[in-house]
């Protein structure tokens, strides 16, 4: 499962929530934080989209 964003060049986005693997690597870049649940915590040092 993935999607692309028309204005993002060659980027491909894979939603981590689509996987149930607890060993799946933590995200390194955060998008749409205004829509995340209040109980979600981003890893320290993660890059945020402005």
N, C-alpha and C. Protein backbone atom coordinates (compact mmCIF):
# COMPACT_ATOMS: atom_id res chain seq x y z
N UNK A 1 0.84 -1.15 0.00
CA UNK A 1 0.00 0.00 0.00
C UNK A 1 0.91 1.23 0.00
N UNK A 2 0.70 2.13 -0.93
CA UNK A 2 1.46 3.37 -1.00
C UNK A 2 0.64 4.40 -1.77
N UNK A 3 1.09 5.63 -1.71
CA UNK A 3 0.48 6.66 -2.55
C UNK A 3 1.54 7.68 -2.91
N UNK A 4 1.25 8.45 -3.91
CA UNK A 4 2.16 9.51 -4.34
C UNK A 4 1.44 10.85 -4.22
N UNK A 5 2.23 11.90 -4.16
CA UNK A 5 1.69 13.26 -4.10
C UNK A 5 2.17 13.98 -5.36
N UNK A 6 1.25 14.49 -6.10
CA UNK A 6 1.55 15.05 -7.42
C UNK A 6 2.68 16.07 -7.41
N UNK A 7 2.72 16.95 -6.40
CA UNK A 7 3.73 18.02 -6.37
C UNK A 7 4.99 17.63 -5.59
N UNK A 8 5.19 16.35 -5.30
CA UNK A 8 6.34 15.93 -4.50
C UNK A 8 7.40 15.20 -5.31
N UNK A 9 7.45 15.43 -6.57
CA UNK A 9 8.49 14.81 -7.39
C UNK A 9 8.38 13.31 -7.41
N UNK A 10 9.48 12.64 -7.09
CA UNK A 10 9.53 11.18 -7.15
C UNK A 10 9.23 10.51 -5.81
N UNK A 11 8.68 11.24 -4.84
CA UNK A 11 8.41 10.68 -3.51
C UNK A 11 7.27 9.65 -3.57
N UNK A 12 7.45 8.59 -2.81
CA UNK A 12 6.41 7.58 -2.61
C UNK A 12 6.16 7.52 -1.11
N UNK A 13 4.90 7.56 -0.70
CA UNK A 13 4.53 7.58 0.71
C UNK A 13 3.96 6.23 1.10
N UNK A 14 4.47 5.66 2.20
CA UNK A 14 3.97 4.39 2.71
C UNK A 14 3.44 4.64 4.12
N UNK A 15 2.12 4.53 4.33
CA UNK A 15 1.55 4.76 5.66
C UNK A 15 1.94 3.63 6.62
N UNK A 16 2.68 3.97 7.67
CA UNK A 16 3.14 2.98 8.63
C UNK A 16 1.98 2.25 9.28
N UNK A 17 0.85 2.93 9.47
CA UNK A 17 -0.30 2.31 10.11
C UNK A 17 -0.88 1.15 9.32
N UNK A 18 -0.44 0.97 8.08
CA UNK A 18 -0.94 -0.13 7.26
C UNK A 18 -0.27 -1.46 7.62
N UNK A 19 0.73 -1.42 8.50
CA UNK A 19 1.47 -2.61 8.86
C UNK A 19 1.26 -2.95 10.33
N UNK A 20 1.15 -4.21 10.65
CA UNK A 20 0.95 -4.64 12.03
C UNK A 20 2.24 -5.22 12.62
N UNK A 21 3.37 -4.91 12.03
CA UNK A 21 4.65 -5.45 12.49
C UNK A 21 5.24 -4.53 13.56
N UNK A 22 5.34 -4.97 14.82
CA UNK A 22 5.89 -4.11 15.87
C UNK A 22 7.37 -3.79 15.67
N UNK A 23 8.06 -4.53 14.82
CA UNK A 23 9.47 -4.27 14.55
C UNK A 23 9.66 -3.32 13.38
N UNK A 24 8.56 -2.83 12.81
CA UNK A 24 8.66 -1.89 11.69
C UNK A 24 9.42 -0.66 12.14
N UNK A 25 10.37 -0.15 11.36
CA UNK A 25 11.19 0.99 11.79
C UNK A 25 10.34 2.22 12.12
N UNK A 26 10.78 2.97 13.11
CA UNK A 26 10.09 4.20 13.50
C UNK A 26 10.18 5.23 12.37
N UNK A 27 9.21 6.11 12.26
CA UNK A 27 9.25 7.13 11.22
C UNK A 27 10.39 8.12 11.45
N UNK A 28 10.87 8.71 10.36
CA UNK A 28 11.91 9.74 10.44
C UNK A 28 11.40 11.10 9.99
N UNK A 29 10.17 11.13 9.45
CA UNK A 29 9.59 12.35 8.91
C UNK A 29 8.10 12.34 9.22
N UNK A 30 7.58 13.43 9.75
CA UNK A 30 6.18 13.48 10.16
C UNK A 30 5.39 14.45 9.29
N UNK A 31 4.23 13.99 8.82
CA UNK A 31 3.34 14.78 7.98
C UNK A 31 1.93 14.72 8.59
N UNK A 32 1.17 15.75 8.47
CA UNK A 32 -0.22 15.80 8.94
C UNK A 32 -0.35 15.63 10.45
N UNK A 33 0.57 16.19 11.22
CA UNK A 33 0.49 16.07 12.68
C UNK A 33 -0.78 16.69 13.24
N UNK A 34 -1.36 17.65 12.55
CA UNK A 34 -2.59 18.27 13.05
C UNK A 34 -3.75 17.28 13.06
N UNK A 35 -3.61 16.16 12.35
CA UNK A 35 -4.68 15.15 12.29
C UNK A 35 -4.41 13.93 13.17
N UNK A 36 -3.24 13.85 13.82
CA UNK A 36 -2.92 12.66 14.60
C UNK A 36 -3.70 12.64 15.92
N UNK A 37 -3.88 11.46 16.46
CA UNK A 37 -4.56 11.29 17.74
C UNK A 37 -3.74 11.94 18.85
N UNK A 38 -4.40 12.39 19.89
CA UNK A 38 -3.71 13.07 21.00
C UNK A 38 -2.76 12.14 21.74
N UNK A 39 -2.96 10.84 21.68
CA UNK A 39 -2.12 9.89 22.39
C UNK A 39 -0.88 9.46 21.59
N UNK A 40 -0.76 9.92 20.35
CA UNK A 40 0.39 9.58 19.52
C UNK A 40 1.57 10.48 19.89
N UNK A 41 2.74 9.89 20.08
CA UNK A 41 3.95 10.66 20.36
C UNK A 41 4.97 10.39 19.26
N UNK A 42 5.50 11.45 18.67
CA UNK A 42 6.51 11.32 17.64
C UNK A 42 7.86 11.03 18.29
N UNK A 43 8.70 10.24 17.64
CA UNK A 43 10.05 9.96 18.18
C UNK A 43 10.87 11.25 18.29
N UNK A 44 11.75 11.30 19.27
CA UNK A 44 12.64 12.46 19.44
C UNK A 44 13.51 12.62 18.21
N UNK A 45 13.72 13.87 17.79
CA UNK A 45 14.60 14.15 16.68
C UNK A 45 13.98 13.96 15.30
N UNK A 46 12.70 13.65 15.24
CA UNK A 46 12.04 13.43 13.95
C UNK A 46 11.90 14.75 13.17
N UNK A 47 11.97 14.67 11.87
CA UNK A 47 11.80 15.85 11.01
C UNK A 47 10.30 16.11 10.84
N UNK A 48 9.90 17.38 10.92
CA UNK A 48 8.49 17.75 10.81
C UNK A 48 8.25 18.57 9.56
N UNK A 49 7.15 18.29 8.88
CA UNK A 49 6.78 19.08 7.71
C UNK A 49 6.19 20.40 8.18
N UNK A 50 6.63 21.49 7.60
CA UNK A 50 6.11 22.81 7.98
C UNK A 50 4.84 23.14 7.26
